[in-house]
Amino acid sequence: MQIVRLAAMAAFVLAGSAFGAPRAAAQQQSTACRGPDSTSADIIQEVVYYTAATDSTVRATRDSLRLPLAQAWQVVLVTDRSVCAKAASAYARNVTGPASRLSGRVYVVKAGTMKYVVVDPTYYYSDAAPNVRLTMVLDSKYKLLSLF
């Protein structure tokens, strides 16, 4: 599996992150993967904040989101086309709002050895909150574990 490793150690508070500005819906690309950029770095920072946490409150949040305990080096951006296509399909199956907002291109961050965090940055479920992105945690079989 081709993986781009990005170091991310800065703490990122979920309530304060927005996974980038809204973007126009992208045309379907030859790959479902989104590559490394500032948005992927923000997502990785947030995942590391939870997966590497030692604080009991943050650990409780990590557990409720069903994220694993993992070191920063175990949180990586995935660029394998097969993994991204399966993650994009799972994301589309589990959205709670208009599917027309899906781009089909997702950021997939592997957390530890068995979990994926998936974000379609063009998707939002409510016109009342267009800057609130839907983030999903999937297991290695692309089953939904949590969303936030």
N, C-alpha and C. Protein backbone atom coordinates (compact mmCIF):
# COMPACT_ATOMS: atom_id res chain seq x y z
N MET A 1 0.85 -1.16 0.00
CA MET A 1 0.00 0.00 0.00
C MET A 1 0.90 1.24 0.00
N GLN A 2 0.60 2.12 -0.92
CA GLN A 2 1.39 3.34 -1.00
C GLN A 2 0.84 4.30 0.04
N ILE A 3 1.70 4.77 0.93
CA ILE A 3 1.27 5.65 2.01
C ILE A 3 2.21 6.83 2.07
N VAL A 4 1.64 8.00 2.20
CA VAL A 4 2.43 9.20 2.37
C VAL A 4 2.46 9.50 3.85
N ARG A 5 3.65 9.50 4.42
CA ARG A 5 3.77 9.77 5.86
C ARG A 5 3.94 11.26 6.09
N LEU A 6 3.11 11.80 6.91
CA LEU A 6 3.18 13.21 7.26
C LEU A 6 3.32 13.31 8.77
N ALA A 7 4.32 14.00 9.23
CA ALA A 7 4.49 14.19 10.66
C ALA A 7 3.48 15.22 11.14
N ALA A 8 2.78 14.89 12.20
CA ALA A 8 1.78 15.81 12.72
C ALA A 8 1.72 15.69 14.23
N MET A 9 2.24 16.65 14.93
CA MET A 9 2.27 16.56 16.37
C MET A 9 1.44 17.64 17.08
N ALA A 10 1.03 18.68 16.36
CA ALA A 10 0.31 19.78 17.00
C ALA A 10 -1.08 19.33 17.43
N ALA A 11 -1.51 19.73 18.61
CA ALA A 11 -2.85 19.41 19.08
C ALA A 11 -3.87 20.22 18.29
N PHE A 12 -4.98 19.57 17.99
CA PHE A 12 -6.01 20.21 17.18
C PHE A 12 -7.34 19.94 17.84
N VAL A 13 -8.04 20.94 18.26
CA VAL A 13 -9.30 20.77 18.96
C VAL A 13 -10.42 20.61 17.93
N LEU A 14 -11.20 19.55 18.06
CA LEU A 14 -12.24 19.23 17.10
C LEU A 14 -13.20 20.39 16.87
N ALA A 15 -13.62 21.03 17.92
CA ALA A 15 -14.58 22.11 17.76
C ALA A 15 -14.02 23.28 16.97
N GLY A 16 -12.72 23.42 16.96
CA GLY A 16 -12.12 24.55 16.28
C GLY A 16 -11.66 24.26 14.87
N SER A 17 -11.69 23.00 14.45
CA SER A 17 -11.22 22.70 13.10
C SER A 17 -12.39 22.65 12.14
N ALA A 18 -12.11 22.96 10.88
CA ALA A 18 -13.18 22.97 9.89
C ALA A 18 -12.80 22.23 8.62
N PHE A 19 -11.65 21.53 8.60
CA PHE A 19 -11.23 20.73 7.45
C PHE A 19 -11.22 21.52 6.16
N GLY A 20 -10.86 22.77 6.23
CA GLY A 20 -10.72 23.54 5.00
C GLY A 20 -11.99 24.26 4.61
N ALA A 21 -11.85 25.21 3.71
CA ALA A 21 -12.97 26.01 3.25
C ALA A 21 -13.84 25.21 2.29
N PRO A 22 -15.12 25.61 2.15
CA PRO A 22 -15.98 24.91 1.19
C PRO A 22 -15.40 25.00 -0.21
N ARG A 23 -15.59 23.97 -0.97
CA ARG A 23 -15.08 23.94 -2.34
C ARG A 23 -16.20 23.54 -3.29
N ALA A 24 -16.08 23.93 -4.53
CA ALA A 24 -17.06 23.51 -5.54
C ALA A 24 -16.92 22.01 -5.74
N ALA A 25 -18.01 21.35 -6.05
CA ALA A 25 -17.97 19.90 -6.27
C ALA A 25 -17.01 19.59 -7.40
N ALA A 26 -16.11 18.67 -7.12
CA ALA A 26 -15.09 18.30 -8.11
C ALA A 26 -15.66 17.30 -9.10
N GLN A 27 -15.18 17.33 -10.32
CA GLN A 27 -15.55 16.33 -11.31
C GLN A 27 -14.96 14.99 -10.86
N GLN A 28 -15.64 13.91 -11.20
CA GLN A 28 -15.13 12.58 -10.85
C GLN A 28 -13.74 12.41 -11.47
N GLN A 29 -12.79 12.05 -10.67
CA GLN A 29 -11.41 11.87 -11.12
C GLN A 29 -11.13 10.39 -11.34
N SER A 30 -9.96 10.11 -11.88
CA SER A 30 -9.58 8.73 -12.12
C SER A 30 -9.25 8.01 -10.81
N THR A 31 -9.12 8.75 -9.74
CA THR A 31 -8.85 8.15 -8.44
C THR A 31 -9.75 8.79 -7.39
N ALA A 32 -10.11 8.01 -6.40
CA ALA A 32 -10.92 8.54 -5.30
C ALA A 32 -10.06 9.20 -4.24
N CYS A 33 -8.74 9.09 -4.37
CA CYS A 33 -7.82 9.63 -3.37
C CYS A 33 -7.60 11.13 -3.54
N ARG A 34 -7.56 11.81 -2.44
CA ARG A 34 -7.08 13.19 -2.43
C ARG A 34 -5.67 13.12 -1.85
N GLY A 35 -4.77 13.86 -2.45
CA GLY A 35 -3.38 13.81 -2.05
C GLY A 35 -3.05 14.74 -0.90
N PRO A 36 -1.77 14.78 -0.56
CA PRO A 36 -1.33 15.62 0.55
C PRO A 36 -1.49 17.10 0.23
N ASP A 37 -2.07 17.83 1.16
CA ASP A 37 -2.22 19.27 1.06
C ASP A 37 -2.51 19.79 2.47
N SER A 38 -2.86 21.05 2.59
CA SER A 38 -3.08 21.62 3.92
C SER A 38 -4.29 21.00 4.62
N THR A 39 -5.30 20.61 3.86
CA THR A 39 -6.47 19.98 4.47
C THR A 39 -6.12 18.61 5.03
N SER A 40 -5.36 17.83 4.27
CA SER A 40 -4.97 16.51 4.78
C SER A 40 -4.09 16.65 6.02
N ALA A 41 -3.23 17.67 6.03
CA ALA A 41 -2.38 17.91 7.20
C ALA A 41 -3.23 18.25 8.42
N ASP A 42 -4.29 19.04 8.22
CA ASP A 42 -5.20 19.38 9.33
C ASP A 42 -5.91 18.13 9.86
N ILE A 43 -6.36 17.28 8.95
CA ILE A 43 -7.04 16.05 9.36
C ILE A 43 -6.09 15.16 10.15
N ILE A 44 -4.87 15.01 9.65
CA ILE A 44 -3.88 14.19 10.34
C ILE A 44 -3.59 14.75 11.72
N GLN A 45 -3.43 16.06 11.84
CA GLN A 45 -3.18 16.66 13.15
C GLN A 45 -4.31 16.35 14.12
N GLU A 46 -5.53 16.43 13.64
CA GLU A 46 -6.67 16.15 14.51
C GLU A 46 -6.70 14.69 14.93
N VAL A 47 -6.47 13.79 14.01
CA VAL A 47 -6.46 12.37 14.33
C VAL A 47 -5.35 12.06 15.33
N VAL A 48 -4.17 12.61 15.13
CA VAL A 48 -3.06 12.41 16.06
C VAL A 48 -3.43 12.94 17.45
N TYR A 49 -4.08 14.08 17.50
CA TYR A 49 -4.50 14.65 18.78
C TYR A 49 -5.28 13.62 19.60
N TYR A 50 -6.19 12.91 18.95
CA TYR A 50 -7.00 11.93 19.66
C TYR A 50 -6.29 10.59 19.84
N THR A 51 -5.62 10.11 18.83
CA THR A 51 -5.04 8.76 18.92
C THR A 51 -3.84 8.69 19.85
N ALA A 52 -3.10 9.78 19.99
CA ALA A 52 -1.91 9.77 20.84
C ALA A 52 -2.16 10.39 22.21
N ALA A 53 -3.40 10.70 22.51
CA ALA A 53 -3.75 11.40 23.75
C ALA A 53 -3.45 10.58 25.00
N THR A 54 -2.97 11.29 26.01
CA THR A 54 -2.79 10.67 27.33
C THR A 54 -3.75 11.27 28.34
N ASP A 55 -4.29 12.43 28.05
CA ASP A 55 -5.28 13.09 28.91
C ASP A 55 -6.55 12.25 28.96
N SER A 56 -7.11 12.06 30.15
CA SER A 56 -8.26 11.17 30.30
C SER A 56 -9.50 11.66 29.54
N THR A 57 -9.71 12.95 29.48
CA THR A 57 -10.87 13.49 28.76
C THR A 57 -10.75 13.24 27.27
N VAL A 58 -9.57 13.48 26.72
CA VAL A 58 -9.36 13.25 25.29
C VAL A 58 -9.38 11.76 24.98
N ARG A 59 -8.85 10.95 25.87
CA ARG A 59 -8.91 9.49 25.69
C ARG A 59 -10.36 9.02 25.64
N ALA A 60 -11.20 9.60 26.48
CA ALA A 60 -12.62 9.23 26.49
C ALA A 60 -13.28 9.60 25.15
N THR A 61 -12.92 10.74 24.61
CA THR A 61 -13.44 11.14 23.30
C THR A 61 -12.94 10.18 22.22
N ARG A 62 -11.65 9.85 22.27
CA ARG A 62 -11.08 8.89 21.32
C ARG A 62 -11.86 7.58 21.37
N ASP A 63 -12.12 7.09 22.56
CA ASP A 63 -12.84 5.84 22.71
C ASP A 63 -14.27 5.94 22.16
N SER A 64 -14.93 7.07 22.41
CA SER A 64 -16.30 7.23 21.92
C SER A 64 -16.35 7.32 20.39
N LEU A 65 -15.28 7.83 19.78
CA LEU A 65 -15.19 7.90 18.32
C LEU A 65 -14.71 6.58 17.71
N ARG A 66 -14.32 5.65 18.58
CA ARG A 66 -13.81 4.33 18.20
C ARG A 66 -12.51 4.43 17.41
N LEU A 67 -11.71 5.42 17.78
CA LEU A 67 -10.36 5.56 17.22
C LEU A 67 -9.40 4.73 18.06
N PRO A 68 -8.33 4.24 17.46
CA PRO A 68 -7.37 3.44 18.23
C PRO A 68 -6.36 4.30 18.97
N LEU A 69 -5.68 3.71 19.91
CA LEU A 69 -4.51 4.32 20.51
C LEU A 69 -3.39 4.13 19.49
N ALA A 70 -2.74 5.20 19.07
CA ALA A 70 -1.69 5.12 18.06
C ALA A 70 -0.70 6.26 18.24
N GLN A 71 0.52 6.02 17.85
CA GLN A 71 1.55 7.05 17.86
C GLN A 71 1.41 7.90 16.61
N ALA A 72 1.99 9.09 16.62
CA ALA A 72 1.89 10.01 15.48
C ALA A 72 2.37 9.36 14.19
N TRP A 73 3.43 8.58 14.23
CA TRP A 73 3.96 7.96 13.02
C TRP A 73 3.05 6.88 12.45
N GLN A 74 2.05 6.45 13.24
CA GLN A 74 1.10 5.45 12.78
C GLN A 74 -0.15 6.07 12.15
N VAL A 75 -0.17 7.38 12.03
CA VAL A 75 -1.29 8.11 11.43
C VAL A 75 -0.80 8.67 10.10
N VAL A 76 -1.29 8.09 9.00
CA VAL A 76 -0.74 8.41 7.68
C VAL A 76 -1.85 8.61 6.64
N LEU A 77 -1.55 9.44 5.67
CA LEU A 77 -2.45 9.65 4.55
C LEU A 77 -2.32 8.49 3.58
N VAL A 78 -3.46 7.92 3.21
CA VAL A 78 -3.48 6.79 2.29
C VAL A 78 -3.70 7.31 0.86
N THR A 79 -2.91 6.80 -0.08
CA THR A 79 -3.09 7.17 -1.48
C THR A 79 -3.28 5.95 -2.37
N ASP A 80 -3.52 4.80 -1.78
CA ASP A 80 -3.80 3.58 -2.54
C ASP A 80 -5.19 3.69 -3.15
N ARG A 81 -5.28 3.59 -4.48
CA ARG A 81 -6.55 3.79 -5.18
C ARG A 81 -7.65 2.84 -4.72
N SER A 82 -7.30 1.60 -4.48
CA SER A 82 -8.29 0.61 -4.07
C SER A 82 -8.87 0.96 -2.70
N VAL A 83 -8.01 1.31 -1.77
CA VAL A 83 -8.47 1.69 -0.43
C VAL A 83 -9.35 2.93 -0.51
N CYS A 84 -8.92 3.92 -1.26
CA CYS A 84 -9.69 5.17 -1.37
C CYS A 84 -11.05 4.92 -2.02
N ALA A 85 -11.10 4.09 -3.05
CA ALA A 85 -12.37 3.80 -3.71
C ALA A 85 -13.34 3.11 -2.75
N LYS A 86 -12.84 2.16 -1.97
CA LYS A 86 -13.69 1.47 -0.99
C LYS A 86 -14.14 2.43 0.11
N ALA A 87 -13.24 3.29 0.55
CA ALA A 87 -13.58 4.26 1.59
C ALA A 87 -14.60 5.28 1.06
N ALA A 88 -14.43 5.74 -0.18
CA ALA A 88 -15.38 6.69 -0.77
C ALA A 88 -16.75 6.06 -0.91
N SER A 89 -16.79 4.79 -1.29
CA SER A 89 -18.06 4.07 -1.41
C SER A 89 -18.74 3.94 -0.05
N ALA A 90 -17.98 3.60 0.98
CA ALA A 90 -18.53 3.49 2.33
C ALA A 90 -19.03 4.85 2.82
N TYR A 91 -18.28 5.90 2.52
CA TYR A 91 -18.68 7.25 2.91
C TYR A 91 -20.02 7.58 2.26
N ALA A 92 -20.14 7.33 0.97
CA ALA A 92 -21.38 7.63 0.24
C ALA A 92 -22.57 6.83 0.80
N ARG A 93 -22.33 5.59 1.19
CA ARG A 93 -23.40 4.75 1.77
C ARG A 93 -23.90 5.29 3.09
N ASN A 94 -23.04 5.99 3.82
CA ASN A 94 -23.37 6.38 5.19
C ASN A 94 -23.68 7.85 5.39
N VAL A 95 -23.71 8.65 4.33
CA VAL A 95 -24.03 10.07 4.51
C VAL A 95 -25.48 10.21 4.96
N THR A 96 -25.73 11.28 5.69
CA THR A 96 -27.05 11.51 6.24
C THR A 96 -27.80 12.65 5.56
N GLY A 97 -27.19 13.25 4.57
CA GLY A 97 -27.81 14.37 3.87
C GLY A 97 -27.74 14.15 2.38
N PRO A 98 -27.87 15.24 1.61
CA PRO A 98 -27.92 15.13 0.14
C PRO A 98 -26.65 14.52 -0.48
N ALA A 99 -26.81 13.39 -1.15
CA ALA A 99 -25.68 12.73 -1.79
C ALA A 99 -25.15 13.54 -2.96
N SER A 100 -25.92 14.48 -3.46
CA SER A 100 -25.48 15.30 -4.59
C SER A 100 -24.27 16.16 -4.24
N ARG A 101 -24.00 16.32 -2.96
CA ARG A 101 -22.86 17.12 -2.51
C ARG A 101 -21.56 16.31 -2.44
N LEU A 102 -21.63 15.02 -2.67
CA LEU A 102 -20.44 14.18 -2.62
C LEU A 102 -19.58 14.40 -3.86
N SER A 103 -18.28 14.46 -3.66
CA SER A 103 -17.36 14.61 -4.79
C SER A 103 -16.88 13.26 -5.32
N GLY A 104 -16.94 12.23 -4.46
CA GLY A 104 -16.39 10.93 -4.84
C GLY A 104 -14.89 10.85 -4.61
N ARG A 105 -14.29 11.95 -4.17
CA ARG A 105 -12.85 12.00 -3.88
C ARG A 105 -12.69 12.31 -2.39
N VAL A 106 -11.98 11.45 -1.69
CA VAL A 106 -11.90 11.56 -0.24
C VAL A 106 -10.45 11.60 0.25
N TYR A 107 -10.31 12.16 1.44
CA TYR A 107 -9.07 12.01 2.20
C TYR A 107 -9.26 10.76 3.04
N VAL A 108 -8.30 9.88 3.00
CA VAL A 108 -8.32 8.67 3.83
C VAL A 108 -7.06 8.69 4.68
N VAL A 109 -7.24 8.70 5.97
CA VAL A 109 -6.13 8.69 6.91
C VAL A 109 -6.19 7.37 7.68
N LYS A 110 -5.12 6.62 7.60
CA LYS A 110 -5.05 5.36 8.35
C LYS A 110 -4.56 5.68 9.75
N ALA A 111 -5.30 5.20 10.73
CA ALA A 111 -4.96 5.43 12.14
C ALA A 111 -4.64 4.08 12.77
N GLY A 112 -3.38 3.86 13.10
CA GLY A 112 -2.98 2.57 13.62
C GLY A 112 -2.96 1.55 12.50
N THR A 113 -3.33 0.33 12.81
CA THR A 113 -3.25 -0.73 11.80
C THR A 113 -4.60 -1.13 11.22
N MET A 114 -5.69 -0.72 11.83
CA MET A 114 -6.98 -1.29 11.42
C MET A 114 -8.10 -0.27 11.17
N LYS A 115 -7.86 1.01 11.30
CA LYS A 115 -8.96 1.97 11.18
C LYS A 115 -8.62 3.06 10.18
N TYR A 116 -9.67 3.58 9.54
CA TYR A 116 -9.53 4.67 8.59
C TYR A 116 -10.43 5.83 9.00
N VAL A 117 -9.92 7.04 8.85
CA VAL A 117 -10.70 8.26 9.03
C VAL A 117 -10.89 8.82 7.63
N VAL A 118 -12.15 9.08 7.26
CA VAL A 118 -12.47 9.46 5.88
C VAL A 118 -13.25 10.77 5.87
N VAL A 119 -12.84 11.68 4.97
CA VAL A 119 -13.50 12.98 4.82
C VAL A 119 -13.63 13.29 3.33
N ASP A 120 -14.83 13.66 2.91
CA ASP A 120 -15.05 14.25 1.59
C ASP A 120 -15.20 15.74 1.86
N PRO A 121 -14.20 16.55 1.53
CA PRO A 121 -14.22 17.96 1.93
C PRO A 121 -15.29 18.80 1.24
N THR A 122 -15.91 18.29 0.19
CA THR A 122 -16.98 19.06 -0.45
C THR A 122 -18.35 18.76 0.15
N TYR A 123 -18.43 17.71 0.94
CA TYR A 123 -19.71 17.30 1.49
C TYR A 123 -20.03 18.00 2.81
N TYR A 124 -21.25 18.49 2.91
CA TYR A 124 -21.81 18.97 4.16
C TYR A 124 -23.29 18.61 4.13
N TYR A 125 -23.85 18.33 5.28
CA TYR A 125 -25.21 17.81 5.28
C TYR A 125 -26.28 18.85 5.48
N SER A 126 -25.91 20.08 5.79
CA SER A 126 -26.92 21.09 6.07
C SER A 126 -26.52 22.45 5.51
N ASP A 127 -27.44 23.10 4.81
CA ASP A 127 -27.19 24.45 4.33
C ASP A 127 -27.00 25.43 5.48
N ALA A 128 -27.55 25.08 6.64
CA ALA A 128 -27.41 25.94 7.81
C ALA A 128 -25.99 25.92 8.38
N ALA A 129 -25.23 24.88 8.04
CA ALA A 129 -23.86 24.75 8.56
C ALA A 129 -22.93 24.25 7.45
N PRO A 130 -22.70 25.06 6.41
CA PRO A 130 -21.90 24.58 5.28
C PRO A 130 -20.41 24.39 5.58
N ASN A 131 -19.94 24.87 6.71
CA ASN A 131 -18.53 24.69 7.06
C ASN A 131 -18.31 23.48 7.97
N VAL A 132 -19.36 22.79 8.31
CA VAL A 132 -19.25 21.61 9.18
C VAL A 132 -19.13 20.38 8.30
N ARG A 133 -18.00 19.74 8.38
CA ARG A 133 -17.73 18.56 7.56
C ARG A 133 -18.10 17.28 8.31
N LEU A 134 -18.45 16.27 7.56
CA LEU A 134 -18.78 14.97 8.12
C LEU A 134 -17.54 14.08 8.03
N THR A 135 -17.08 13.63 9.18
CA THR A 135 -15.92 12.75 9.26
C THR A 135 -16.39 11.38 9.71
N MET A 136 -15.91 10.35 9.03
CA MET A 136 -16.30 8.98 9.38
C MET A 136 -15.08 8.17 9.80
N VAL A 137 -15.30 7.29 10.76
CA VAL A 137 -14.29 6.31 11.17
C VAL A 137 -14.78 4.95 10.69
N LEU A 138 -13.93 4.29 9.90
CA LEU A 138 -14.26 2.98 9.34
C LEU A 138 -13.27 1.94 9.83
N ASP A 139 -13.72 0.70 9.92
CA ASP A 139 -12.78 -0.38 10.25
C ASP A 139 -12.11 -0.86 8.97
N SER A 140 -11.29 -1.89 9.06
CA SER A 140 -10.52 -2.37 7.91
C SER A 140 -11.38 -3.03 6.84
N LYS A 141 -12.64 -3.31 7.17
CA LYS A 141 -13.58 -3.87 6.19
C LYS A 141 -14.54 -2.78 5.70
N TYR A 142 -14.23 -1.52 6.01
CA TYR A 142 -14.98 -0.34 5.56
C TYR A 142 -16.38 -0.28 6.17
N LYS A 143 -16.50 -0.80 7.36
CA LYS A 143 -17.75 -0.72 8.12
C LYS A 143 -17.70 0.55 8.97
N LEU A 144 -18.81 1.29 8.99
CA LEU A 144 -18.88 2.52 9.77
C LEU A 144 -18.81 2.22 11.26
N LEU A 145 -17.87 2.88 11.94
CA LEU A 145 -17.75 2.75 13.40
C LEU A 145 -18.31 3.99 14.10
N SER A 146 -18.04 5.16 13.52
CA SER A 146 -18.56 6.40 14.10
C SER A 146 -18.52 7.50 13.06
N LEU A 147 -19.25 8.55 13.33
CA LEU A 147 -19.16 9.74 12.51
C LEU A 147 -19.28 10.96 13.40
N PHE A 148 -18.61 12.01 12.96
CA PHE A 148 -18.64 13.26 13.72
C PHE A 148 -18.43 14.41 12.78
